[in-house]
Amino acid sequence: MYPEQTLRHSAAHVMAAAVCRLFPGTLIDIGPATDDGFYYDFDLEHRLSTDDFAAIEAEIRKIIAEALPFERLEVSREEAAKVFASQKYKLERLADIPEGEVVSIYRCGEYVDLCRGPHVGTTADVGAVKIMSIAGSYYRGDVKNKMLQRLYGIAAPTQQELDEIVARAEEAKKRDHRVLGVELDLFHLDPEDPGQIFWHPKGWTIYITLQEYMRRKIVHDGYKEVNTPAIMPRSLWERSGHWDHYQKNMFVTESEKRLFAVKPMNCPGALEIFNSRLRSYKDLPLRLAEFGHCARNEPSGTLHGIMRVRGFVQDDAHILCTEEQIEEEVAKFCRLLKDVYSDFGFDKNLTVKLSTMPDDHVGDEATWRHAEEALASACKASGMEYEIQPGEGAFYGPKLEFTLVDALGRQWQCGTIQLDYQLPSAERLNAQYIGPDNKPHHPVMLHRAVLGSLERFLGILIEHYAGAFPFWLAPVQARVLPLNDKVLDYARSVADKLGEEGFRAEVDSENDKLGAKIRRAQVEKIPYMLVVGGREAEAGAVSVRSREEGDKGSMPLGDFIQKVRMENKA
């Protein structure tokens, strides 16, 4: 049994071989495995469409049946240049390989690719493959370059497993947050402003409800909320280390001959607040939370709905503490994270990874190892097991990453806590407090987020719930459906009463039959429909219809309010 990534990457090669057989002269670029499949970028005269999928898949099956071995060859740059003499994109990728690094190519039959590997033994080991979609993709993600044709596919060891993956993919397509976001009138994305979200009233209602929910949680846990500038000077980013390690992802601007950057993260601002006055060890731990708006210059080719954007807000916080307080603060964070995730049904199958020192890091190795050991010890003390993720830490410190599983079994890394000795150090932002010995000391900094980007987390929630949000989070919690204009005033009084009680309610005053009003509310996935006619108006009642359970019968309005009061707590 081969690892999934190896199987998927091998399937990408097989798909590319099939395309090259069917369309001689095709130029190939890259074909990596992804989290749920693979893709390959092509440059060919024929405009690929879904009509071509059957022929390409048939050719893929032929190549799999031929059981062609995947042969790895290590060659010189000159030999590789001869092999790919007619493949201009491969020649450019060849030039990207650092001097001294091994150049390897993989051959299966007549198809040859520049690749590090690894791959399965033969094409027969690829199993079953299906092409899922086609899209355009600018070469190297740069709009100035030619747009290539990108084929997406999935692979599995057996046809039965592939059919199961296809079924999940079809369900995922129905839940696509980009589609539901428009259908439910939550937000829209403008191609003229890539990576930025235009929140509509209903979407923004969900957004601020989620934000207020997190505020209640963190206030209870002893956090103090702050807000820092969106634009900060280059000098600050140089001292923090971000200018050297993160500048390519920063939006830079100039004013009065000085360079500034739109903040890609909030941590330097938190330390500026810490440094604004003399601190004592009695002030620690100091938990500073910020729903700070950040901007990152992500390549347009990597953007994806509201899950990968350029402008976003994190449920961010920075904890300044002593070394002795690390274990309890990490454990406290883990308890908060599990509590929050349980409210969304994400507390099952939660996994934790410890990301260690990357090649591009600041600080000496001894400090890094010490930080990794401290974080590992704190994680175990909180009752959570972890697996090591080598070299995946932030440039300033190791981190724990928390991955949740949604309704379709997909994994999403959202929460994180990072242990940082570097930013508060004398070499960086020089944060200090006076210890019990009356001498200055540097605090330890914990960077943490539970949801991560609110935008991304909302995208996950839209797909997890298929747009049918739980009552407390739904943008419209109840819609009153009057049977006729005679009871319209009563319908409005019902909505007003619900509003006074803190619920989000509205009236469907359209001149339609009841069936049409019910269907409209169901399409919009509204949790409760309250039908009112003459009898309900006389009795001060509502006829309740649940999104989940259908007709619940008539009840006094006060009883309904009491019922949903319990559902409104998260």
Protein backbone atom coordinates (compact mmCIF):
# COMPACT_ATOMS: atom_id res chain seq x y z
CA MET A 1 0.00 0.00 0.00
CA TYR A 2 1.48 3.32 -1.09
CA PRO A 3 0.99 6.65 0.73
CA GLU A 4 -1.95 8.66 -0.65
CA GLN A 5 0.27 11.53 -1.81
CA THR A 6 2.50 9.10 -3.75
CA LEU A 7 -0.52 7.46 -5.40
CA ARG A 8 -2.04 10.83 -6.35
CA HIS A 9 1.20 12.22 -7.75
CA SER A 10 1.70 9.07 -9.83
CA ALA A 11 -1.86 9.42 -11.11
CA ALA A 12 -1.02 12.97 -12.21
CA HIS A 13 1.84 11.58 -14.33
CA VAL A 14 -0.47 8.97 -15.85
CA MET A 15 -3.06 11.62 -16.72
CA ALA A 16 -0.36 13.80 -18.30
CA ALA A 17 0.88 10.80 -20.31
CA ALA A 18 -2.68 10.21 -21.55
CA VAL A 19 -3.13 13.84 -22.61
CA CYS A 20 0.22 13.80 -24.42
CA ARG A 21 -0.77 10.62 -26.29
CA LEU A 22 -4.09 12.08 -27.38
CA PHE A 23 -2.77 15.54 -28.20
CA PRO A 24 0.78 15.35 -29.63
CA GLY A 25 2.81 18.50 -29.11
CA THR A 26 1.30 19.21 -25.68
CA LEU A 27 3.56 21.28 -23.43
CA ILE A 28 3.52 20.23 -19.77
CA ASP A 29 4.24 22.25 -16.65
CA ILE A 30 3.60 20.82 -13.15
CA GLY A 31 1.36 18.09 -11.74
CA PRO A 32 1.40 17.91 -7.93
CA ALA A 33 -0.75 15.91 -5.54
CA THR A 34 -3.21 17.94 -3.47
CA ASP A 35 -4.99 17.23 -0.21
CA ASP A 36 -7.85 15.49 -2.00
CA GLY A 37 -6.54 14.64 -5.46
CA PHE A 38 -4.11 16.03 -8.03
CA TYR A 39 -3.89 18.35 -11.02
CA TYR A 40 -1.71 18.95 -14.06
CA ASP A 41 -1.16 22.11 -16.10
CA PHE A 42 -1.02 21.86 -19.88
CA ASP A 43 -0.37 24.17 -22.82
CA LEU A 44 -1.97 22.80 -25.99
CA GLU A 45 -3.81 24.19 -29.00
CA HIS A 46 -6.93 22.08 -28.40
CA ARG A 47 -9.33 23.70 -25.94
CA LEU A 48 -10.06 20.96 -23.42
CA SER A 49 -13.64 20.57 -22.19
CA THR A 50 -15.71 18.07 -20.24
CA ASP A 51 -16.43 16.39 -23.58
CA ASP A 52 -12.78 15.25 -23.63
CA PHE A 53 -12.88 13.61 -20.20
CA ALA A 54 -14.17 10.22 -21.39
CA ALA A 55 -11.43 9.87 -24.02
CA ILE A 56 -8.69 10.92 -21.59
CA GLU A 57 -9.98 8.52 -18.92
CA ALA A 58 -10.07 5.68 -21.48
CA GLU A 59 -6.43 6.39 -22.36
CA ILE A 60 -5.58 6.49 -18.64
CA ARG A 61 -7.10 3.01 -18.23
CA LYS A 62 -4.96 1.75 -21.13
CA ILE A 63 -1.78 3.13 -19.54
CA ILE A 64 -2.71 1.58 -16.18
CA ALA A 65 -3.37 -1.77 -17.88
CA GLU A 66 0.07 -1.61 -19.56
CA ALA A 67 1.69 -1.73 -16.09
CA LEU A 68 4.52 0.55 -17.19
CA PRO A 69 7.27 0.86 -14.55
CA PHE A 70 8.06 4.26 -13.03
CA GLU A 71 11.81 4.56 -13.61
CA ARG A 72 13.80 7.14 -11.65
CA LEU A 73 16.89 8.49 -13.39
CA GLU A 74 19.38 10.94 -11.90
CA VAL A 75 20.88 13.01 -14.69
CA SER A 76 23.11 16.01 -15.23
CA ARG A 77 21.60 19.39 -16.04
CA GLU A 78 22.87 19.07 -19.58
CA GLU A 79 21.22 15.66 -20.03
CA ALA A 80 17.96 16.96 -18.58
CA ALA A 81 18.07 19.94 -20.93
CA LYS A 82 18.36 17.55 -23.91
CA VAL A 83 15.46 15.40 -22.66
CA PHE A 84 13.19 18.46 -22.31
CA ALA A 85 14.49 20.40 -25.32
CA SER A 86 10.95 20.69 -26.71
CA GLN A 87 9.33 21.42 -23.32
CA LYS A 88 9.94 25.10 -22.54
CA TYR A 89 8.15 25.06 -19.18
CA LYS A 90 10.22 22.12 -17.99
CA LEU A 91 13.41 23.91 -19.03
CA GLU A 92 12.39 26.89 -16.88
CA ARG A 93 11.60 24.58 -13.95
CA LEU A 94 14.98 22.93 -14.47
CA ALA A 95 16.66 26.33 -14.12
CA ASP A 96 14.91 26.74 -10.74
CA ILE A 97 16.69 23.72 -9.23
CA PRO A 98 19.52 25.01 -7.00
CA GLU A 99 23.10 24.27 -8.02
CA GLY A 100 24.37 21.11 -6.38
CA GLU A 101 20.91 19.58 -5.97
CA VAL A 102 20.24 16.24 -7.63
CA VAL A 103 18.29 16.47 -10.89
CA SER A 104 15.94 13.52 -11.27
CA ILE A 105 13.52 12.54 -13.99
CA TYR A 106 10.83 9.84 -14.03
CA ARG A 107 9.97 7.78 -17.06
CA CYS A 108 6.90 5.60 -17.59
CA GLY A 109 6.74 4.33 -21.15
CA GLU A 110 7.26 7.19 -23.59
CA TYR A 111 6.30 9.81 -21.00
CA VAL A 112 9.14 11.60 -19.18
CA ASP A 113 8.80 14.19 -16.42
CA LEU A 114 11.15 16.33 -14.35
CA CYS A 115 10.28 15.20 -10.84
CA ARG A 116 11.67 14.50 -7.35
CA GLY A 117 9.21 11.66 -6.77
CA PRO A 118 8.53 9.29 -5.19
CA HIS A 119 6.16 7.24 -7.30
CA VAL A 120 4.43 3.88 -7.19
CA GLY A 121 6.12 0.85 -8.76
CA THR A 122 4.17 0.67 -12.01
CA THR A 123 1.19 2.39 -13.59
CA ALA A 124 -0.90 -0.64 -12.56
CA ASP A 125 -0.43 0.43 -8.92
CA VAL A 126 -2.25 3.70 -9.62
CA GLY A 127 -5.58 1.85 -9.34
CA ALA A 128 -8.50 3.92 -10.57
CA VAL A 129 -8.58 7.54 -11.79
CA LYS A 130 -11.33 10.03 -12.58
CA ILE A 131 -11.04 13.54 -14.01
CA MET A 132 -13.18 15.93 -12.00
CA SER A 133 -12.90 19.37 -13.56
CA ILE A 134 -10.97 21.79 -15.74
CA ALA A 135 -9.88 25.36 -15.06
CA GLY A 136 -7.53 28.02 -16.31
CA SER A 137 -4.31 28.72 -14.45
CA TYR A 138 -1.70 31.36 -15.19
CA TYR A 139 1.80 29.95 -15.50
CA ARG A 140 3.54 30.34 -12.11
CA GLY A 141 0.39 32.01 -10.81
CA ASP A 142 1.29 35.29 -12.55
CA VAL A 143 -1.43 37.06 -14.55
CA LYS A 144 1.27 38.44 -16.86
CA ASN A 145 2.05 34.91 -18.04
CA LYS A 146 0.13 32.64 -20.38
CA MET A 147 -2.96 30.91 -19.05
CA LEU A 148 -2.56 27.14 -19.07
CA GLN A 149 -5.28 24.48 -18.93
CA ARG A 150 -5.46 22.72 -15.56
CA LEU A 151 -7.08 19.30 -15.25
CA TYR A 152 -8.10 18.16 -11.77
CA GLY A 153 -8.46 14.51 -10.92
CA ILE A 154 -8.78 12.00 -8.11
CA ALA A 155 -7.33 8.53 -7.66
CA ALA A 156 -7.83 5.54 -5.40
CA PRO A 157 -6.42 1.99 -5.13
CA THR A 158 -9.76 0.42 -6.21
CA GLN A 159 -12.81 1.43 -8.22
CA GLN A 160 -15.03 1.02 -5.15
CA GLU A 161 -12.88 3.44 -3.15
CA LEU A 162 -12.88 5.84 -6.10
CA ASP A 163 -16.68 5.69 -6.30
CA GLU A 164 -16.86 6.59 -2.61
CA ILE A 165 -14.51 9.54 -3.17
CA VAL A 166 -16.60 10.69 -6.14
CA ALA A 167 -19.77 10.54 -4.02
CA ARG A 168 -18.11 12.66 -1.34
CA ALA A 169 -16.86 15.07 -3.99
CA GLU A 170 -20.38 15.42 -5.42
CA GLU A 171 -21.69 16.15 -1.93
CA ALA A 172 -18.86 18.65 -1.41
CA LYS A 173 -19.88 20.36 -4.68
CA LYS A 174 -23.43 20.79 -3.34
CA ARG A 175 -21.97 22.33 -0.18
CA ASP A 176 -19.46 24.58 -1.96
CA HIS A 177 -19.38 27.78 0.11
CA ARG A 178 -18.81 29.87 -3.02
CA VAL A 179 -22.13 28.67 -4.46
CA LEU A 180 -24.09 28.71 -1.20
CA GLY A 181 -22.67 32.10 -0.32
CA VAL A 182 -24.37 33.57 -3.39
CA GLU A 183 -27.56 31.47 -3.14
CA LEU A 184 -28.06 32.47 0.50
CA ASP A 185 -27.08 36.09 -0.20
CA LEU A 186 -24.19 36.01 2.31
CA PHE A 187 -21.35 37.60 0.32
CA HIS A 188 -19.88 38.10 -3.10
CA LEU A 189 -16.38 38.20 -4.57
CA ASP A 190 -15.36 40.74 -7.21
CA PRO A 191 -12.77 39.58 -9.79
CA GLU A 192 -11.59 43.20 -9.99
CA ASP A 193 -10.62 43.02 -6.29
CA PRO A 194 -9.22 39.47 -5.85
CA GLY A 195 -8.99 38.01 -2.38
CA GLN A 196 -11.35 40.55 -0.78
CA ILE A 197 -14.85 39.77 0.49
CA PHE A 198 -17.98 41.90 0.16
CA TRP A 199 -20.19 40.81 3.06
CA HIS A 200 -23.94 41.21 2.54
CA PRO A 201 -26.29 41.83 5.51
CA LYS A 202 -27.02 38.15 6.17
CA GLY A 203 -23.39 37.10 5.86
CA TRP A 204 -22.23 39.95 8.07
CA THR A 205 -24.83 38.99 10.67
CA ILE A 206 -23.26 35.52 10.86
CA TYR A 207 -19.80 37.08 10.95
CA ILE A 208 -20.47 39.40 13.89
CA THR A 209 -22.45 36.70 15.71
CA LEU A 210 -19.41 34.43 15.48
CA GLN A 211 -17.12 37.26 16.57
CA GLU A 212 -19.31 38.13 19.57
CA TYR A 213 -19.43 34.45 20.51
CA MET A 214 -15.63 34.37 20.61
CA ARG A 215 -15.57 37.62 22.61
CA ARG A 216 -17.73 36.04 25.31
CA LYS A 217 -15.43 33.03 25.45
CA ILE A 218 -12.18 34.96 25.73
CA VAL A 219 -13.48 37.50 28.28
CA HIS A 220 -14.43 34.54 30.45
CA ASP A 221 -10.87 33.24 30.04
CA GLY A 222 -9.23 36.47 31.19
CA TYR A 223 -8.29 38.10 27.89
CA LYS A 224 -8.22 41.87 27.37
CA GLU A 225 -9.14 43.01 23.87
CA VAL A 226 -6.94 45.54 22.05
CA ASN A 227 -6.71 47.03 18.58
CA THR A 228 -3.55 48.04 16.72
CA PRO A 229 -2.91 50.05 13.52
CA ALA A 230 -3.47 48.42 10.14
CA ILE A 231 -0.34 50.08 8.71
CA MET A 232 2.99 50.08 10.54
CA PRO A 233 6.48 51.36 9.58
CA ARG A 234 9.14 49.30 7.90
CA SER A 235 11.41 49.85 10.91
CA LEU A 236 9.06 47.85 13.14
CA TRP A 237 8.82 44.99 10.64
CA GLU A 238 12.61 44.97 10.33
CA ARG A 239 13.05 44.70 14.10
CA SER A 240 10.44 41.93 14.32
CA GLY A 241 12.11 39.97 11.50
CA HIS A 242 9.07 39.97 9.22
CA TRP A 243 10.72 42.27 6.67
CA ASP A 244 13.45 39.70 6.00
CA HIS A 245 11.27 36.60 6.27
CA TYR A 246 7.82 37.64 5.06
CA GLN A 247 8.18 40.74 2.85
CA LYS A 248 7.05 39.00 -0.35
CA ASN A 249 3.61 38.50 1.24
CA MET A 250 3.29 42.08 2.50
CA PHE A 251 1.52 45.02 0.87
CA VAL A 252 3.95 47.93 1.05
CA THR A 253 3.14 51.63 0.76
CA GLU A 254 5.08 54.89 1.04
CA SER A 255 4.30 58.17 2.77
CA GLU A 256 6.58 61.18 3.22
CA LYS A 257 9.54 59.15 1.91
CA ARG A 258 9.03 56.44 4.54
CA LEU A 259 8.03 52.84 3.82
CA PHE A 260 5.10 51.25 5.64
CA ALA A 261 3.45 47.84 5.37
CA VAL A 262 -0.14 46.74 5.83
CA LYS A 263 0.12 44.28 8.68
CA PRO A 264 0.07 40.60 7.63
CA MET A 265 -0.17 39.62 11.31
CA ASN A 266 -0.87 41.24 14.66
CA CYS A 267 2.03 40.14 16.89
CA PRO A 268 4.33 43.22 16.63
CA GLY A 269 1.38 45.44 17.59
CA ALA A 270 0.73 43.38 20.73
CA LEU A 271 4.35 43.80 21.79
CA GLU A 272 4.17 47.53 21.14
CA ILE A 273 1.28 47.67 23.62
CA PHE A 274 3.22 45.57 26.12
CA ASN A 275 6.20 47.92 25.77
CA SER A 276 4.11 51.07 26.20
CA ARG A 277 4.71 51.11 29.96
CA LEU A 278 6.77 49.43 32.65
CA ARG A 279 5.48 45.92 33.42
CA SER A 280 5.84 43.81 36.55
CA TYR A 281 5.89 40.04 36.92
CA LYS A 282 2.62 40.55 38.79
CA ASP A 283 1.04 41.64 35.46
CA LEU A 284 1.78 38.23 33.93
CA PRO A 285 0.30 36.36 32.26
CA LEU A 286 -1.05 39.22 30.16
CA ARG A 287 -3.52 37.92 27.55
CA LEU A 288 -4.04 40.46 24.75
CA ALA A 289 -6.73 39.53 22.21
CA GLU A 290 -7.24 41.30 18.89
CA PHE A 291 -9.68 40.81 16.06
CA GLY A 292 -7.18 42.57 13.86
CA HIS A 293 -7.68 42.95 10.12
CA CYS A 294 -4.63 41.59 8.26
CA ALA A 295 -3.65 41.63 4.59
CA ARG A 296 -1.34 39.21 2.81
CA ASN A 297 -0.29 39.45 -0.80
CA GLU A 298 -1.24 35.91 -1.77
CA PRO A 299 -0.76 34.93 -5.43
CA SER A 300 -4.08 35.14 -7.28
CA GLY A 301 -3.77 31.50 -8.35
CA THR A 302 -3.89 30.34 -4.74
CA LEU A 303 -7.05 32.27 -3.77
CA HIS A 304 -10.13 30.17 -3.04
CA GLY A 305 -13.49 31.72 -2.19
CA ILE A 306 -13.44 33.03 1.37
CA MET A 307 -11.12 30.26 2.55
CA ARG A 308 -7.94 31.69 1.01
CA VAL A 309 -8.08 35.47 0.74
CA ARG A 310 -5.88 38.55 0.92
CA GLY A 311 -7.88 40.43 3.56
CA PHE A 312 -8.97 38.61 6.71
CA VAL A 313 -9.47 38.82 10.47
CA GLN A 314 -8.15 36.29 12.98
CA ASP A 315 -9.43 35.57 16.47
CA ASP A 316 -5.89 36.41 17.44
CA ALA A 317 -4.31 36.71 20.87
CA HIS A 318 -0.83 37.03 22.32
CA ILE A 319 -0.03 35.85 25.80
CA LEU A 320 2.99 37.37 27.53
CA CYS A 321 4.07 35.15 30.39
CA THR A 322 7.00 33.77 32.35
CA GLU A 323 8.62 30.48 31.44
CA GLU A 324 7.04 28.88 34.50
CA GLN A 325 3.57 29.84 33.24
CA ILE A 326 3.91 28.26 29.77
CA GLU A 327 2.48 24.87 30.67
CA GLU A 328 -0.67 26.19 32.36
CA GLU A 329 -1.29 28.78 29.61
CA VAL A 330 -1.01 26.18 26.86
CA ALA A 331 -3.27 23.82 28.82
CA LYS A 332 -5.75 26.65 29.38
CA PHE A 333 -5.76 27.39 25.66
CA CYS A 334 -6.33 23.72 24.82
CA ARG A 335 -9.36 23.65 27.12
CA LEU A 336 -10.74 26.79 25.45
CA LEU A 337 -10.20 25.34 21.99
CA LYS A 338 -11.92 22.04 22.82
CA ASP A 339 -14.83 23.93 24.40
CA VAL A 340 -15.30 26.10 21.30
CA TYR A 341 -14.97 23.22 18.85
CA SER A 342 -17.54 21.18 20.77
CA ASP A 343 -20.12 23.96 20.25
CA PHE A 344 -19.78 23.37 16.49
CA GLY A 345 -19.60 19.58 16.74
CA PHE A 346 -15.89 19.53 15.92
CA ASP A 347 -14.68 18.00 19.21
CA LYS A 348 -14.47 14.47 17.73
CA ASN A 349 -11.41 13.27 15.78
CA LEU A 350 -9.40 16.36 16.74
CA THR A 351 -5.70 15.91 15.92
CA VAL A 352 -2.65 17.87 17.10
CA LYS A 353 0.70 18.33 15.35
CA LEU A 354 3.88 19.82 16.79
CA SER A 355 5.67 21.81 14.09
CA THR A 356 9.41 22.14 14.67
CA MET A 357 12.24 24.43 13.53
CA PRO A 358 12.22 25.33 9.79
CA ASP A 359 15.34 26.02 7.73
CA ASP A 360 14.34 29.69 7.52
CA HIS A 361 14.37 30.56 11.22
CA VAL A 362 15.67 33.20 13.61
CA GLY A 363 17.43 32.39 16.88
CA ASP A 364 19.90 29.67 17.82
CA GLU A 365 19.16 25.95 17.74
CA ALA A 366 19.51 25.49 21.50
CA THR A 367 16.71 27.99 22.17
CA TRP A 368 14.57 26.32 19.52
CA ARG A 369 15.05 22.87 21.03
CA HIS A 370 14.20 24.23 24.45
CA ALA A 371 11.04 25.86 23.06
CA GLU A 372 9.99 22.65 21.30
CA GLU A 373 10.44 20.62 24.48
CA ALA A 374 8.45 23.17 26.51
CA LEU A 375 5.57 23.12 24.03
CA ALA A 376 5.56 19.31 23.83
CA SER A 377 5.51 19.02 27.62
CA ALA A 378 2.66 21.54 27.91
CA CYS A 379 0.63 19.70 25.25
CA LYS A 380 0.97 16.40 27.10
CA ALA A 381 0.07 18.10 30.39
CA SER A 382 -3.18 19.28 28.78
CA GLY A 383 -4.09 15.66 28.05
CA MET A 384 -3.57 15.83 24.29
CA GLU A 385 -1.33 13.63 22.18
CA TYR A 386 0.55 15.02 19.17
CA GLU A 387 2.57 13.98 16.18
CA ILE A 388 5.72 15.70 14.96
CA GLN A 389 5.64 17.85 11.82
CA PRO A 390 9.36 18.44 11.10
CA GLY A 391 10.44 21.84 9.79
CA GLU A 392 6.94 23.34 9.70
CA GLY A 393 7.28 25.85 12.56
CA ALA A 394 7.00 29.62 12.12
CA PHE A 395 10.30 31.39 11.53
CA TYR A 396 10.27 32.61 15.15
CA GLY A 397 9.12 29.53 17.03
CA PRO A 398 7.56 26.04 17.16
CA LYS A 399 3.80 25.60 17.22
CA LEU A 400 0.96 23.23 17.95
CA GLU A 401 -1.56 22.96 15.11
CA PHE A 402 -5.08 21.64 15.70
CA THR A 403 -6.97 19.92 12.88
CA LEU A 404 -10.73 19.34 12.95
CA VAL A 405 -12.88 17.05 10.80
CA ASP A 406 -16.06 18.28 9.11
CA ALA A 407 -19.33 16.53 8.16
CA LEU A 408 -17.72 15.09 5.00
CA GLY A 409 -14.68 13.75 6.84
CA ARG A 410 -12.38 16.47 5.48
CA GLN A 411 -9.59 17.79 7.66
CA TRP A 412 -9.07 21.50 8.33
CA GLN A 413 -6.20 22.98 10.29
CA CYS A 414 -7.62 25.95 12.17
CA GLY A 415 -6.38 26.44 15.73
CA THR A 416 -2.74 27.07 16.60
CA ILE A 417 -0.54 28.09 19.50
CA GLN A 418 3.06 29.14 18.91
CA LEU A 419 5.79 29.48 21.51
CA ASP A 420 8.07 32.42 20.81
CA TYR A 421 11.30 33.38 22.58
CA GLN A 422 12.47 35.50 19.63
CA LEU A 423 10.14 38.50 19.18
CA PRO A 424 10.27 39.59 22.84
CA SER A 425 14.07 39.23 22.94
CA ALA A 426 16.62 42.06 23.13
CA GLU A 427 17.61 41.29 19.53
CA ARG A 428 14.04 41.85 18.32
CA LEU A 429 11.35 43.97 20.03
CA ASN A 430 12.97 43.92 23.47
CA ALA A 431 9.89 43.35 25.66
CA GLN A 432 10.74 43.49 29.37
CA TYR A 433 9.12 43.15 32.76
CA ILE A 434 10.54 43.63 36.24
CA GLY A 435 10.84 40.32 38.08
CA PRO A 436 10.62 39.60 41.83
CA ASP A 437 14.41 40.16 41.92
CA ASN A 438 13.81 43.79 40.77
CA LYS A 439 15.73 43.06 37.55
CA PRO A 440 14.45 43.24 33.96
CA HIS A 441 13.50 39.98 32.22
CA HIS A 442 12.14 39.09 28.80
CA PRO A 443 8.70 37.45 28.75
CA VAL A 444 7.82 34.44 26.65
CA MET A 445 5.20 35.10 23.97
CA LEU A 446 2.45 32.67 23.00
CA HIS A 447 0.71 33.42 19.70
CA ARG A 448 -2.65 31.67 19.54
CA ALA A 449 -5.87 31.44 17.54
CA VAL A 450 -8.82 29.10 18.01
CA LEU A 451 -10.75 29.63 14.78
CA GLY A 452 -7.86 31.09 12.80
CA SER A 453 -9.16 33.33 10.02
CA LEU A 454 -12.84 34.10 10.69
CA GLU A 455 -13.40 34.20 6.94
CA ARG A 456 -11.94 30.72 6.41
CA PHE A 457 -13.74 29.30 9.45
CA LEU A 458 -17.05 30.64 8.13
CA GLY A 459 -16.33 28.99 4.78
CA ILE A 460 -15.78 25.71 6.63
CA LEU A 461 -19.02 26.20 8.59
CA ILE A 462 -21.04 26.93 5.43
CA GLU A 463 -19.86 23.64 3.92
CA HIS A 464 -20.09 21.69 7.19
CA TYR A 465 -23.72 22.71 7.75
CA ALA A 466 -24.52 22.89 4.01
CA GLY A 467 -25.78 26.42 4.70
CA ALA A 468 -28.29 25.21 7.34
CA PHE A 469 -26.71 26.99 10.32
CA PRO A 470 -27.66 26.08 13.88
CA PHE A 471 -30.34 28.32 15.36
CA TRP A 472 -27.97 30.56 17.36
CA LEU A 473 -25.83 31.31 14.29
CA ALA A 474 -28.49 31.56 11.55
CA PRO A 475 -28.74 35.07 10.03
CA VAL A 476 -32.55 34.86 10.12
CA GLN A 477 -33.70 32.64 12.96
CA ALA A 478 -37.44 32.82 12.35
CA ARG A 479 -39.64 34.06 9.55
CA VAL A 480 -43.27 34.91 10.20
CA LEU A 481 -45.61 33.81 7.39
CA PRO A 482 -49.00 35.61 7.46
CA LEU A 483 -51.82 33.77 5.68
CA ASN A 484 -53.28 37.04 4.39
CA ASP A 485 -53.01 40.82 4.69
CA LYS A 486 -55.62 40.89 7.46
CA VAL A 487 -53.12 39.39 9.92
CA LEU A 488 -50.09 41.32 8.60
CA ASP A 489 -50.07 43.65 11.62
CA TYR A 490 -50.13 40.66 13.98
CA ALA A 491 -47.31 39.02 12.00
CA ARG A 492 -45.22 42.18 12.42
CA SER A 493 -45.96 42.30 16.14
CA VAL A 494 -44.73 38.69 16.44
CA ALA A 495 -41.48 39.61 14.66
CA ASP A 496 -41.12 42.71 16.86
CA LYS A 497 -41.61 40.68 20.03
CA LEU A 498 -38.99 38.18 18.92
CA GLY A 499 -36.64 41.07 18.15
CA GLU A 500 -37.18 42.51 21.65
CA GLU A 501 -36.19 39.12 23.05
CA GLY A 502 -32.93 39.24 21.08
CA PHE A 503 -33.88 36.97 18.17
CA ARG A 504 -33.43 37.72 14.48
CA ALA A 505 -36.89 37.55 12.92
CA GLU A 506 -38.60 38.96 9.84
CA VAL A 507 -41.97 38.87 8.08
CA ASP A 508 -42.64 37.49 4.60
CA SER A 509 -45.21 40.06 3.44
CA GLU A 510 -45.18 38.95 -0.21
CA ASN A 511 -48.61 38.40 -1.77
CA ASP A 512 -48.01 34.66 -2.27
CA LYS A 513 -49.72 31.48 -1.16
CA LEU A 514 -48.48 29.82 2.02
CA GLY A 515 -46.82 26.97 0.11
CA ALA A 516 -44.65 29.41 -1.83
CA LYS A 517 -43.64 31.21 1.36
CA ILE A 518 -42.69 27.93 3.03
CA ARG A 519 -40.64 26.81 0.04
CA ARG A 520 -38.83 30.17 -0.05
CA ALA A 521 -37.96 29.87 3.65
CA GLN A 522 -36.77 26.28 3.17
CA VAL A 523 -34.53 27.27 0.26
CA GLU A 524 -33.05 29.99 2.49
CA LYS A 525 -32.60 27.36 5.23
CA ILE A 526 -34.37 29.40 7.93
CA PRO A 527 -34.64 27.37 11.19
CA TYR A 528 -38.25 28.27 12.04
CA MET A 529 -41.29 29.33 10.03
CA LEU A 530 -44.13 30.79 12.10
CA VAL A 531 -47.46 30.62 10.28
CA VAL A 532 -50.10 33.05 11.54
CA GLY A 533 -53.76 33.35 10.56
CA GLY A 534 -56.93 34.61 12.22
CA ARG A 535 -56.97 31.92 14.92
CA GLU A 536 -53.34 32.55 15.88
CA ALA A 537 -53.94 36.31 15.99
CA GLU A 538 -56.91 35.88 18.34
CA ALA A 539 -55.03 33.46 20.62
CA GLY A 540 -51.66 35.25 20.59
CA ALA A 541 -50.15 32.08 19.15
CA VAL A 542 -48.01 30.88 16.25
CA SER A 543 -48.13 27.69 14.20
CA VAL A 544 -44.55 26.44 14.24
CA ARG A 545 -42.78 24.74 11.36
CA SER A 546 -39.20 23.54 11.95
CA ARG A 547 -36.58 23.33 9.22
CA GLU A 548 -35.46 19.99 10.64
CA GLU A 549 -38.68 18.43 11.95
CA GLY A 550 -41.49 19.93 9.88
CA ASP A 551 -44.87 20.88 11.42
CA LYS A 552 -44.70 21.27 15.23
CA GLY A 553 -48.27 22.54 15.70
CA SER A 554 -49.66 25.68 17.27
CA MET A 555 -48.38 27.13 20.54
CA PRO A 556 -48.56 30.42 22.45
CA LEU A 557 -45.90 32.86 21.31
CA GLY A 558 -44.47 32.93 24.85
CA ASP A 559 -43.98 29.14 24.78
CA PHE A 560 -42.16 29.37 21.47
CA ILE A 561 -39.86 32.06 22.84
CA GLN A 562 -39.11 29.91 25.88
CA LYS A 563 -38.35 26.95 23.61
CA VAL A 564 -35.88 28.78 21.36
CA ARG A 565 -34.22 30.58 24.26
CA MET A 566 -32.41 27.35 25.07
CA GLU A 567 -31.41 26.83 21.43
CA ASN A 568 -29.94 30.32 21.25
CA LYS A 569 -27.14 29.45 23.67
CA ALA A 570 -23.82 28.35 22.26
